[in-house]
C-alpha atoms as a PDB file:
ATOM      1  CA  MET A   1      12.582 -13.000  -6.280  1.00  0.00           C
ATOM      2  CA  GLY A   2      13.304 -13.993  -9.864  1.00  0.00           C
ATOM      3  CA  ARG A   3      10.439 -11.850 -11.150  1.00  0.00           C
ATOM      4  CA  PRO A   4       8.863  -8.493 -10.303  1.00  0.00           C
ATOM      5  CA  LYS A   5       7.413  -8.583  -6.776  1.00  0.00           C
ATOM      6  CA  ALA A   6       4.058  -7.470  -8.151  1.00  0.00           C
ATOM      7  CA  LEU A   7       3.842 -10.727 -10.126  1.00  0.00           C
ATOM      8  CA  TYR A   8       4.975 -13.085  -7.399  1.00  0.00           C
ATOM      9  CA  PRO A   9       2.288 -15.702  -6.685  1.00  0.00           C
ATOM     10  CA  PHE A  10       0.235 -14.857  -3.641  1.00  0.00           C
ATOM     11  CA  PRO A  11       0.484 -17.716  -1.109  1.00  0.00           C
ATOM     12  CA  THR A  12      -2.446 -20.110  -1.486  1.00  0.00           C
ATOM     13  CA  GLN A  13      -2.254 -20.850   2.239  1.00  0.00           C
ATOM     14  CA  VAL A  14      -3.550 -17.324   2.825  1.00  0.00           C
ATOM     15  CA  THR A  15      -6.265 -17.129   0.194  1.00  0.00           C
ATOM     16  CA  THR A  16      -8.427 -19.465  -1.818  1.00  0.00           C
ATOM     17  CA  PRO A  17      -6.458 -21.738  -4.131  1.00  0.00           C
ATOM     18  CA  GLY A  18      -5.569 -20.225  -7.435  1.00  0.00           C
ATOM     19  CA  LYS A  19      -2.827 -18.309  -9.086  1.00  0.00           C
ATOM     20  CA  ILE A  20      -3.087 -14.661  -8.257  1.00  0.00           C
ATOM     21  CA  SER A  21      -0.179 -12.310  -7.841  1.00  0.00           C
ATOM     22  CA  PHE A  22       0.699  -9.952  -5.004  1.00  0.00           C
ATOM     23  CA  LEU A  23      -0.655  -7.104  -7.132  1.00  0.00           C
ATOM     24  CA  GLU A  24      -3.918  -8.887  -7.949  1.00  0.00           C
ATOM     25  CA  HIS A  25      -4.484  -9.648  -4.265  1.00  0.00           C
ATOM     26  CA  LEU A  26      -3.922  -6.005  -3.312  1.00  0.00           C
ATOM     27  CA  LEU A  27      -6.246  -4.818  -6.079  1.00  0.00           C
ATOM     28  CA  GLY A  28      -8.872  -7.232  -4.770  1.00  0.00           C
ATOM     29  CA  ILE A  29      -8.734  -5.947  -1.204  1.00  0.00           C
ATOM     30  CA  ALA A  30      -8.761  -2.352  -2.484  1.00  0.00           C
ATOM     31  CA  ARG A  31     -12.315  -2.912  -3.749  1.00  0.00           C
ATOM     32  CA  HIS A  32     -14.029  -0.929  -1.056  1.00  0.00           C
ATOM     33  CA  PRO A  33     -16.992   1.451  -1.359  1.00  0.00           C
ATOM     34  CA  LYS A  34     -14.910   4.330   0.036  1.00  0.00           C
ATOM     35  CA  ILE A  35     -12.015   3.755  -2.399  1.00  0.00           C
ATOM     36  CA  GLY A  36     -13.057   5.543  -5.541  1.00  0.00           C
ATOM     37  CA  ALA A  37      -9.853   6.246  -7.430  1.00  0.00           C
ATOM     38  CA  VAL A  38      -7.404   3.358  -7.655  1.00  0.00           C
ATOM     39  CA  ARG A  39      -3.920   4.032  -8.966  1.00  0.00           C
ATOM     40  CA  VAL A  40      -1.300   1.381  -9.702  1.00  0.00           C
ATOM     41  CA  VAL A  41       2.100   3.006  -9.829  1.00  0.00           C
ATOM     42  CA  LEU A  42       4.574   1.100 -11.977  1.00  0.00           C
ATOM     43  CA  GLY A  43       8.289   1.686 -12.285  1.00  0.00           C
ATOM     44  CA  ALA A  44      10.717  -1.138 -12.932  1.00  0.00           C
ATOM     45  CA  ASN A  45       9.292  -3.836 -15.208  1.00  0.00           C
ATOM     46  CA  ALA A  46       6.205  -1.746 -15.926  1.00  0.00           C
ATOM     47  CA  GLU A  47       5.529  -3.300 -19.318  1.00  0.00           C
ATOM     48  CA  LEU A  48       5.980  -6.859 -18.038  1.00  0.00           C
ATOM     49  CA  ILE A  49       3.495  -6.182 -15.226  1.00  0.00           C
ATOM     50  CA  ARG A  50       0.991  -4.562 -17.600  1.00  0.00           C
ATOM     51  CA  GLN A  51       1.152  -7.635 -19.847  1.00  0.00           C
ATOM     52  CA  ALA A  52       0.662 -10.059 -16.951  1.00  0.00           C
ATOM     53  CA  VAL A  53      -2.089  -8.309 -14.977  1.00  0.00           C
ATOM     54  CA  GLU A  54      -5.273  -6.913 -16.458  1.00  0.00           C
ATOM     55  CA  LEU A  55      -5.224  -3.277 -15.411  1.00  0.00           C
ATOM     56  CA  ASP A  56      -7.570  -0.451 -16.267  1.00  0.00           C
ATOM     57  CA  ALA A  57      -5.404   1.900 -18.343  1.00  0.00           C
ATOM     58  CA  ALA A  58      -6.763   4.910 -16.435  1.00  0.00           C
ATOM     59  CA  SER A  59      -5.506   3.455 -13.153  1.00  0.00           C
ATOM     60  CA  VAL A  60      -1.905   2.967 -14.302  1.00  0.00           C
ATOM     61  CA  VAL A  61       0.629   5.638 -13.409  1.00  0.00           C
ATOM     62  CA  LEU A  62       4.160   5.287 -14.740  1.00  0.00           C
ATOM     63  CA  ASN A  63       6.896   6.474 -12.413  1.00  0.00           C
ATOM     64  CA  ASP A  64      10.168   7.046 -14.227  1.00  0.00           C
ATOM     65  CA  ASP A  65      11.724   8.260 -10.950  1.00  0.00           C
ATOM     66  CA  TRP A  66      11.238   4.895  -9.199  1.00  0.00           C
ATOM     67  CA  PRO A  67      15.016   4.419  -8.619  1.00  0.00           C
ATOM     68  CA  LYS A  68      14.896   7.448  -6.270  1.00  0.00           C
ATOM     69  CA  GLY A  69      12.646   5.618  -3.823  1.00  0.00           C
ATOM     70  CA  GLN A  70       9.149   4.758  -2.733  1.00  0.00           C
ATOM     71  CA  LEU A  71       8.142   8.356  -2.089  1.00  0.00           C
ATOM     72  CA  THR A  72       8.350   9.116  -5.808  1.00  0.00           C
ATOM     73  CA  SER A  73       5.640   6.520  -6.429  1.00  0.00           C
ATOM     74  CA  ILE A  74       3.405   8.053  -3.759  1.00  0.00           C
ATOM     75  CA  GLN A  75       3.956  11.464  -5.318  1.00  0.00           C
ATOM     76  CA  ALA A  76       3.185  10.151  -8.818  1.00  0.00           C
ATOM     77  CA  ALA A  77      -0.092   8.681  -7.565  1.00  0.00           C
ATOM     78  CA  ILE A  78      -1.129  11.887  -5.789  1.00  0.00           C
ATOM     79  CA  ARG A  79      -0.374  13.987  -8.873  1.00  0.00           C
ATOM     80  CA  ASN A  80      -2.592  11.653 -10.892  1.00  0.00           C
ATOM     81  CA  LEU A  81      -5.639  11.833  -8.604  1.00  0.00           C
ATOM     82  CA  PRO A  82      -8.633  13.931  -9.637  1.00  0.00           C
ATOM     83  CA  ALA A  83      -8.210  17.359  -8.009  1.00  0.00           C
ATOM     84  CA  GLY A  84     -10.309  17.716  -4.876  1.00  0.00           C
ATOM     85  CA  ALA A  85     -12.054  14.401  -5.438  1.00  0.00           C
ATOM     86  CA  THR A  86     -10.460  12.339  -2.661  1.00  0.00           C
ATOM     87  CA  ASP A  87     -10.584  12.466   1.127  1.00  0.00           C
ATOM     88  CA  GLY A  88      -7.263  10.703   1.429  1.00  0.00           C
ATOM     89  CA  VAL A  89      -5.000   8.039   0.045  1.00  0.00           C
ATOM     90  CA  ILE A  90      -4.419   4.519   1.340  1.00  0.00           C
ATOM     91  CA  ILE A  91      -0.990   3.336   0.298  1.00  0.00           C
ATOM     92  CA  PHE A  92      -0.613  -0.359  -0.390  1.00  0.00           C
ATOM     93  CA  LEU A  93       2.957  -1.611  -0.791  1.00  0.00           C
ATOM     94  CA  VAL A  94       3.416  -4.530  -3.140  1.00  0.00           C
ATOM     95  CA  ASP A  95       5.974  -6.117  -0.806  1.00  0.00           C
ATOM     96  CA  HIS A  96       3.483  -6.042   2.104  1.00  0.00           C
ATOM     97  CA  PRO A  97       0.675  -8.134   0.564  1.00  0.00           C
ATOM     98  CA  LEU A  98      -0.260 -10.347   3.514  1.00  0.00           C
ATOM     99  CA  ILE A  99      -3.170  -8.219   4.636  1.00  0.00           C
ATOM    100  CA  SER A 100      -6.905  -8.732   4.453  1.00  0.00           C
ATOM    101  CA  ALA A 101      -9.915  -6.841   3.167  1.00  0.00           C
ATOM    102  CA  GLY A 102     -11.149  -6.820   6.777  1.00  0.00           C
ATOM    103  CA  LEU A 103      -8.068  -4.861   7.839  1.00  0.00           C
ATOM    104  CA  VAL A 104      -8.669  -2.359   5.033  1.00  0.00           C
ATOM    105  CA  ASP A 105     -12.292  -1.968   6.196  1.00  0.00           C
ATOM    106  CA  LYS A 106     -11.170  -1.240   9.755  1.00  0.00           C
ATOM    107  CA  LEU A 107      -8.493   1.251   8.704  1.00  0.00           C
ATOM    108  CA  ILE A 108     -10.920   3.171   6.501  1.00  0.00           C
ATOM    109  CA  GLU A 109     -13.584   3.151   9.215  1.00  0.00           C
ATOM    110  CA  ARG A 110     -11.047   4.482  11.743  1.00  0.00           C
ATOM    111  CA  PHE A 111      -9.888   7.175   9.293  1.00  0.00           C
ATOM    112  CA  TYR A 112     -13.416   8.511   8.802  1.00  0.00           C
ATOM    113  CA  ARG A 113     -14.457   8.118  12.441  1.00  0.00           C
ATOM    114  CA  THR A 114     -11.432   9.972  13.866  1.00  0.00           C
ATOM    115  CA  GLY A 115     -10.731  12.516  11.132  1.00  0.00           C
ATOM    116  CA  ALA A 116      -7.029  11.882  11.789  1.00  0.00           C
ATOM    117  CA  PRO A 117      -4.510  13.015   9.184  1.00  0.00           C
ATOM    118  CA  VAL A 118      -2.681   9.661   9.317  1.00  0.00           C
ATOM    119  CA  VAL A 119      -3.934   6.195  10.274  1.00  0.00           C
ATOM    120  CA  VAL A 120      -1.548   3.244  10.482  1.00  0.00           C
ATOM    121  CA  PRO A 121      -1.983  -0.353  11.574  1.00  0.00           C
ATOM    122  CA  THR A 122       0.239  -1.718  14.328  1.00  0.00           C
ATOM    123  CA  TYR A 123       1.185  -5.266  15.187  1.00  0.00           C
ATOM    124  CA  GLU A 124       2.535  -5.780  18.699  1.00  0.00           C
ATOM    125  CA  GLY A 125       3.302  -2.064  18.891  1.00  0.00           C
ATOM    126  CA  LYS A 126       5.181  -1.884  15.582  1.00  0.00           C
ATOM    127  CA  ARG A 127       3.773   0.334  12.832  1.00  0.00           C
ATOM    128  CA  GLY A 128       3.041  -1.240   9.480  1.00  0.00           C
ATOM    129  CA  HIS A 129       1.231  -0.898   6.160  1.00  0.00           C
ATOM    130  CA  PRO A 130      -1.045   0.121   4.545  1.00  0.00           C
ATOM    131  CA  ALA A 131      -1.180   3.674   5.844  1.00  0.00           C
ATOM    132  CA  ILE A 132      -3.849   6.268   5.144  1.00  0.00           C
ATOM    133  CA  PHE A 133      -2.988   9.940   4.639  1.00  0.00           C
ATOM    134  CA  ALA A 134      -5.691  12.617   4.582  1.00  0.00           C
ATOM    135  CA  SER A 135      -5.885  14.749   1.452  1.00  0.00           C
ATOM    136  CA  ARG A 136      -4.887  17.796   3.493  1.00  0.00           C
ATOM    137  CA  LEU A 137      -1.402  16.229   3.659  1.00  0.00           C
ATOM    138  CA  TYR A 138      -0.949  15.852  -0.110  1.00  0.00           C
ATOM    139  CA  ASP A 139       1.139  19.027  -0.405  1.00  0.00           C
ATOM    140  CA  GLU A 140       3.378  17.829   2.422  1.00  0.00           C
ATOM    141  CA  LEU A 141       3.802  14.433   0.775  1.00  0.00           C
ATOM    142  CA  LEU A 142       4.657  16.123  -2.514  1.00  0.00           C
ATOM    143  CA  ALA A 143       7.280  18.279  -0.767  1.00  0.00           C
ATOM    144  CA  ALA A 144       8.729  15.573   1.512  1.00  0.00           C
ATOM    145  CA  PRO A 145      12.437  14.794   1.205  1.00  0.00           C
ATOM    146  CA  VAL A 146      13.103  11.663  -0.846  1.00  0.00           C
ATOM    147  CA  GLU A 147      15.631  10.433   1.741  1.00  0.00           C
ATOM    148  CA  THR A 148      13.009  10.304   4.510  1.00  0.00           C
ATOM    149  CA  GLY A 149       9.955   9.655   2.415  1.00  0.00           C
ATOM    150  CA  ALA A 150       6.429   9.699   3.803  1.00  0.00           C
ATOM    151  CA  ARG A 151       7.848   9.164   7.304  1.00  0.00           C
ATOM    152  CA  ALA A 152       8.711  12.885   7.335  1.00  0.00           C
ATOM    153  CA  VAL A 153       5.007  13.676   7.104  1.00  0.00           C
ATOM    154  CA  VAL A 154       4.154  11.099   9.766  1.00  0.00           C
ATOM    155  CA  TRP A 155       6.785  12.624  12.083  1.00  0.00           C
ATOM    156  CA  ALA A 156       5.474  16.133  11.416  1.00  0.00           C
ATOM    157  CA  HIS A 157       2.039  14.998  12.626  1.00  0.00           C
ATOM    158  CA  ALA A 158       3.216  12.593  15.330  1.00  0.00           C
ATOM    159  CA  ALA A 159       0.707  13.805  17.915  1.00  0.00           C
ATOM    160  CA  GLU A 160      -2.193  13.310  15.496  1.00  0.00           C
ATOM    161  CA  VAL A 161      -1.333   9.869  14.093  1.00  0.00           C
ATOM    162  CA  ILE A 162      -3.879   7.201  14.934  1.00  0.00           C
ATOM    163  CA  GLU A 163      -2.448   3.747  15.457  1.00  0.00           C
ATOM    164  CA  MET A 164      -4.857   0.885  14.933  1.00  0.00           C
ATOM    165  CA  PRO A 165      -3.742  -2.342  16.629  1.00  0.00           C
ATOM    166  CA  THR A 166      -4.339  -5.510  14.631  1.00  0.00           C
ATOM    167  CA  ASP A 167      -3.579  -9.187  15.007  1.00  0.00           C
ATOM    168  CA  GLU A 168      -2.567  -9.321  11.314  1.00  0.00           C
ATOM    169  CA  LYS A 169       1.200  -9.752  11.376  1.00  0.00           C
ATOM    170  CA  GLY A 170       1.262  -9.154   7.628  1.00  0.00           C
ATOM    171  CA  VAL A 171       1.167  -5.400   8.244  1.00  0.00           C
ATOM    172  CA  ILE A 172       4.825  -5.533   9.325  1.00  0.00           C
ATOM    173  CA  LEU A 173       6.078  -8.282   7.006  1.00  0.00           C
ATOM    174  CA  ASN A 174       8.160  -6.961   4.126  1.00  0.00           C
ATOM    175  CA  LEU A 175       8.417  -9.788   1.571  1.00  0.00           C
ATOM    176  CA  ASN A 176      11.485  -9.313  -0.582  1.00  0.00           C
ATOM    177  CA  SER A 177      12.514 -12.908  -1.240  1.00  0.00           C
ATOM    178  CA  PRO A 178      11.047 -16.424  -1.463  1.00  0.00           C
ATOM    179  CA  GLY A 179      12.709 -17.046   1.925  1.00  0.00           C
ATOM    180  CA  ASP A 180      10.785 -14.123   3.423  1.00  0.00           C
ATOM    181  CA  ILE A 181       7.553 -15.686   2.165  1.00  0.00           C
ATOM    182  CA  ARG A 182       8.434 -19.133   3.555  1.00  0.00           C
ATOM    183  CA  ARG A 183       9.338 -17.626   6.942  1.00  0.00           C
ATOM    184  CA  ALA A 184       6.157 -15.534   7.018  1.00  0.00           C
ATOM    185  CA  LEU A 185       3.936 -18.509   6.242  1.00  0.00           C
ATOM    186  CA  SER A 186       5.673 -20.688   8.823  1.00  0.00           C
ATOM    187  CA  GLN A 187       4.775 -18.090  11.481  1.00  0.00           C
ATOM    188  CA  ASP A 188       1.046 -18.681  11.073  1.00  0.00           C
ATOM    189  CA  ILE A 189       0.196 -15.179   9.986  1.00  0.00           C
END
Protein backbone atom coordinates (compact mmCIF):
# COMPACT_ATOMS: atom_id res chain seq x y z
CA MET A 1 0.00 0.00 0.00
CA GLY A 2 3.05 2.23 0.17
CA ARG A 3 2.48 2.93 3.86
CA PRO A 4 1.26 1.01 6.91
CA LYS A 5 -2.36 -0.10 6.40
CA ALA A 6 -3.32 1.59 9.65
CA LEU A 7 -2.37 4.96 8.13
CA TYR A 8 -4.02 4.51 4.76
CA PRO A 9 -6.61 7.24 4.16
CA PHE A 10 -10.12 6.07 4.85
CA PRO A 11 -12.25 6.51 1.70
CA THR A 12 -14.14 9.81 1.80
CA GLN A 13 -16.94 8.20 -0.22
CA VAL A 14 -17.76 6.16 2.89
CA THR A 15 -17.47 8.82 5.57
CA THR A 16 -17.63 12.57 5.86
CA PRO A 17 -14.90 14.36 3.91
CA GLY A 18 -11.64 14.67 5.70
CA LYS A 19 -8.39 12.88 6.11
CA ILE A 20 -8.72 10.10 8.61
CA SER A 21 -6.87 6.83 8.48
CA PHE A 22 -8.17 3.26 8.65
CA LEU A 23 -7.05 3.18 12.28
CA GLU A 24 -8.74 6.47 13.18
CA HIS A 25 -12.00 5.28 11.61
CA LEU A 26 -11.90 2.03 13.58
CA LEU A 27 -11.13 3.89 16.81
CA GLY A 28 -14.11 6.14 16.10
CA ILE A 29 -16.56 3.29 15.65
CA ALA A 30 -15.15 1.57 18.75
CA ARG A 31 -16.53 4.42 20.86
CA HIS A 32 -19.41 2.50 22.32
CA PRO A 33 -20.77 2.56 25.88
CA LYS A 34 -20.13 -1.19 26.26
CA ILE A 35 -16.51 -0.95 25.05
CA GLY A 36 -14.56 0.06 28.10
CA ALA A 37 -10.99 -1.01 27.45
CA VAL A 38 -9.62 -0.18 24.01
CA ARG A 39 -6.32 -1.69 22.95
CA VAL A 40 -4.43 -0.83 19.77
CA VAL A 41 -1.95 -3.58 19.03
CA LEU A 42 1.01 -2.39 16.99
CA GLY A 43 3.69 -4.49 15.37
CA ALA A 44 5.38 -3.47 12.15
CA ASN A 45 5.85 0.30 11.84
CA ALA A 46 4.69 0.84 15.42
CA GLU A 47 6.63 4.05 15.92
CA LEU A 48 5.49 5.53 12.60
CA ILE A 49 1.86 4.82 13.51
CA ARG A 50 2.27 6.27 17.01
CA GLN A 51 3.69 9.47 15.50
CA ALA A 52 0.86 9.79 12.96
CA VAL A 53 -2.17 8.94 15.11
CA GLU A 54 -2.90 10.41 18.51
CA LEU A 55 -3.19 7.37 20.75
CA ASP A 56 -3.68 7.11 24.48
CA ALA A 57 -0.42 5.55 25.69
CA ALA A 58 -2.35 3.18 27.97
CA SER A 59 -4.23 1.76 24.98
CA VAL A 60 -1.12 0.88 22.96
CA VAL A 61 0.16 -2.68 23.11
CA LEU A 62 3.38 -3.51 21.29
CA ASN A 63 3.51 -6.95 19.71
CA ASP A 64 7.05 -8.01 18.89
CA ASP A 65 5.71 -11.38 17.68
CA TRP A 66 3.65 -9.81 14.87
CA PRO A 67 5.56 -11.71 12.12
CA LYS A 68 4.08 -14.96 13.53
CA GLY A 69 0.56 -13.90 12.61
CA GLN A 70 -2.61 -12.14 13.62
CA LEU A 71 -3.29 -14.41 16.58
CA THR A 72 -0.23 -13.02 18.38
CA SER A 73 -1.82 -9.57 18.29
CA ILE A 74 -5.08 -10.91 19.72
CA GLN A 75 -3.11 -12.65 22.46
CA ALA A 76 -1.11 -9.49 23.23
CA ALA A 77 -4.34 -7.51 23.60
CA ILE A 78 -5.94 -10.11 25.89
CA ARG A 79 -2.85 -10.24 28.10
CA ASN A 80 -3.04 -6.46 28.43
CA LEU A 81 -6.69 -6.27 29.49
CA PRO A 82 -7.55 -5.62 33.14
CA ALA A 83 -8.08 -9.02 34.79
CA GLY A 84 -11.75 -9.89 35.12
CA ALA A 85 -12.86 -6.47 33.93
CA THR A 86 -14.22 -7.38 30.49
CA ASP A 87 -17.16 -9.44 29.27
CA GLY A 88 -15.49 -10.10 25.95
CA VAL A 89 -13.34 -8.70 23.20
CA ILE A 90 -14.40 -7.32 19.83
CA ILE A 91 -11.57 -7.69 17.36
CA PHE A 92 -11.28 -5.02 14.70
CA LEU A 93 -8.85 -5.77 11.87
CA VAL A 94 -7.15 -2.77 10.33
CA ASP A 95 -7.49 -4.25 6.84
CA HIS A 96 -11.28 -4.61 7.28
CA PRO A 97 -12.17 -0.95 7.95
CA LEU A 98 -15.29 -0.57 5.80
CA ILE A 99 -17.73 -1.14 8.63
CA SER A 100 -20.04 1.19 10.49
CA ALA A 101 -20.75 2.13 14.08
CA GLY A 102 -24.27 0.80 13.50
CA LEU A 103 -22.86 -2.65 12.74
CA VAL A 104 -20.79 -2.52 15.94
CA ASP A 105 -23.94 -1.58 17.90
CA LYS A 106 -25.83 -4.56 16.48
CA LEU A 107 -23.01 -7.02 17.12
CA ILE A 108 -22.64 -5.90 20.73
CA GLU A 109 -26.40 -6.01 21.27
CA ARG A 110 -26.53 -9.55 19.84
CA PHE A 111 -23.59 -10.63 22.03
CA TYR A 112 -25.29 -9.48 25.23
CA ARG A 113 -28.77 -10.65 24.21
CA THR A 114 -27.68 -14.20 23.29
CA GLY A 115 -24.84 -14.79 25.73
CA ALA A 116 -23.05 -16.59 22.88
CA PRO A 117 -19.32 -17.22 23.19
CA VAL A 118 -18.68 -15.96 19.64
CA VAL A 119 -20.65 -13.51 17.50
CA VAL A 120 -19.67 -12.84 13.89
CA PRO A 121 -21.23 -10.78 11.13
CA THR A 122 -22.08 -12.47 7.84
CA TYR A 123 -22.58 -11.02 4.39
CA GLU A 124 -24.45 -13.25 1.95
CA GLY A 125 -23.63 -16.24 4.14
CA LYS A 126 -19.90 -15.53 4.39
CA ARG A 127 -18.42 -14.83 7.83
CA GLY A 128 -16.55 -11.59 8.33
CA HIS A 129 -15.14 -9.12 10.85
CA PRO A 130 -15.24 -7.79 13.50
CA ALA A 131 -15.86 -10.81 15.69
CA ILE A 132 -16.70 -10.83 19.38
CA PHE A 133 -15.29 -13.47 21.74
CA ALA A 134 -16.64 -13.88 25.27
CA SER A 135 -14.11 -13.53 28.08
CA ARG A 136 -14.63 -17.19 28.97
CA LEU A 137 -12.73 -17.99 25.75
CA TYR A 138 -9.63 -15.93 26.59
CA ASP A 139 -7.67 -18.97 27.80
CA GLU A 140 -8.54 -20.81 24.59
CA LEU A 141 -7.45 -17.85 22.48
CA LEU A 142 -4.19 -17.65 24.41
CA ALA A 143 -3.57 -21.37 23.82
CA ALA A 144 -4.72 -21.51 20.18
CA PRO A 145 -2.22 -22.69 17.57
CA VAL A 146 -0.64 -19.81 15.66
CA GLU A 147 -1.14 -21.66 12.35
CA THR A 148 -4.94 -21.73 12.76
CA GLY A 149 -5.38 -18.63 14.83
CA ALA A 150 -8.68 -17.62 16.40
CA ARG A 151 -10.50 -19.86 13.91
CA ALA A 152 -9.49 -22.82 16.10
CA VAL A 153 -11.58 -21.36 18.91
CA VAL A 154 -14.48 -20.63 16.56
CA TRP A 155 -14.36 -24.23 15.29
CA ALA A 156 -14.24 -25.58 18.85
CA HIS A 157 -17.50 -23.73 19.58
CA ALA A 158 -19.11 -24.16 16.16
CA ALA A 159 -22.52 -25.10 17.55
CA GLU A 160 -22.60 -22.00 19.76
CA VAL A 161 -21.42 -19.36 17.27
CA ILE A 162 -24.03 -16.72 16.50
CA GLU A 163 -23.95 -15.40 12.96
CA MET A 164 -25.46 -11.97 12.47
CA PRO A 165 -26.45 -11.27 8.85
CA THR A 166 -25.72 -7.76 7.62
CA ASP A 167 -25.99 -5.87 4.37
CA GLU A 168 -22.55 -4.30 5.04
CA LYS A 169 -20.25 -5.95 2.51
CA GLY A 170 -17.29 -4.36 4.28
CA VAL A 171 -17.34 -7.18 6.84
CA ILE A 172 -15.84 -9.52 4.23
CA LEU A 173 -13.63 -7.05 2.35
CA ASN A 174 -9.95 -7.44 3.16
CA LEU A 175 -8.21 -4.29 1.88
CA ASN A 176 -4.55 -5.00 1.24
CA SER A 177 -3.86 -2.74 -1.74
CA PRO A 178 -5.07 0.49 -3.36
CA GLY A 179 -6.66 -1.76 -6.02
CA ASP A 180 -8.65 -3.56 -3.32
CA ILE A 181 -9.96 -0.20 -2.12
CA ARG A 182 -10.90 0.93 -5.65
CA ARG A 183 -12.70 -2.37 -6.32
CA ALA A 184 -14.52 -2.21 -2.98
CA LEU A 185 -15.73 1.34 -3.57
CA SER A 186 -16.86 0.54 -7.11
CA GLN A 187 -19.11 -2.19 -5.67
CA ASP A 188 -21.26 0.31 -3.78
CA ILE A 189 -20.53 -1.03 -0.34
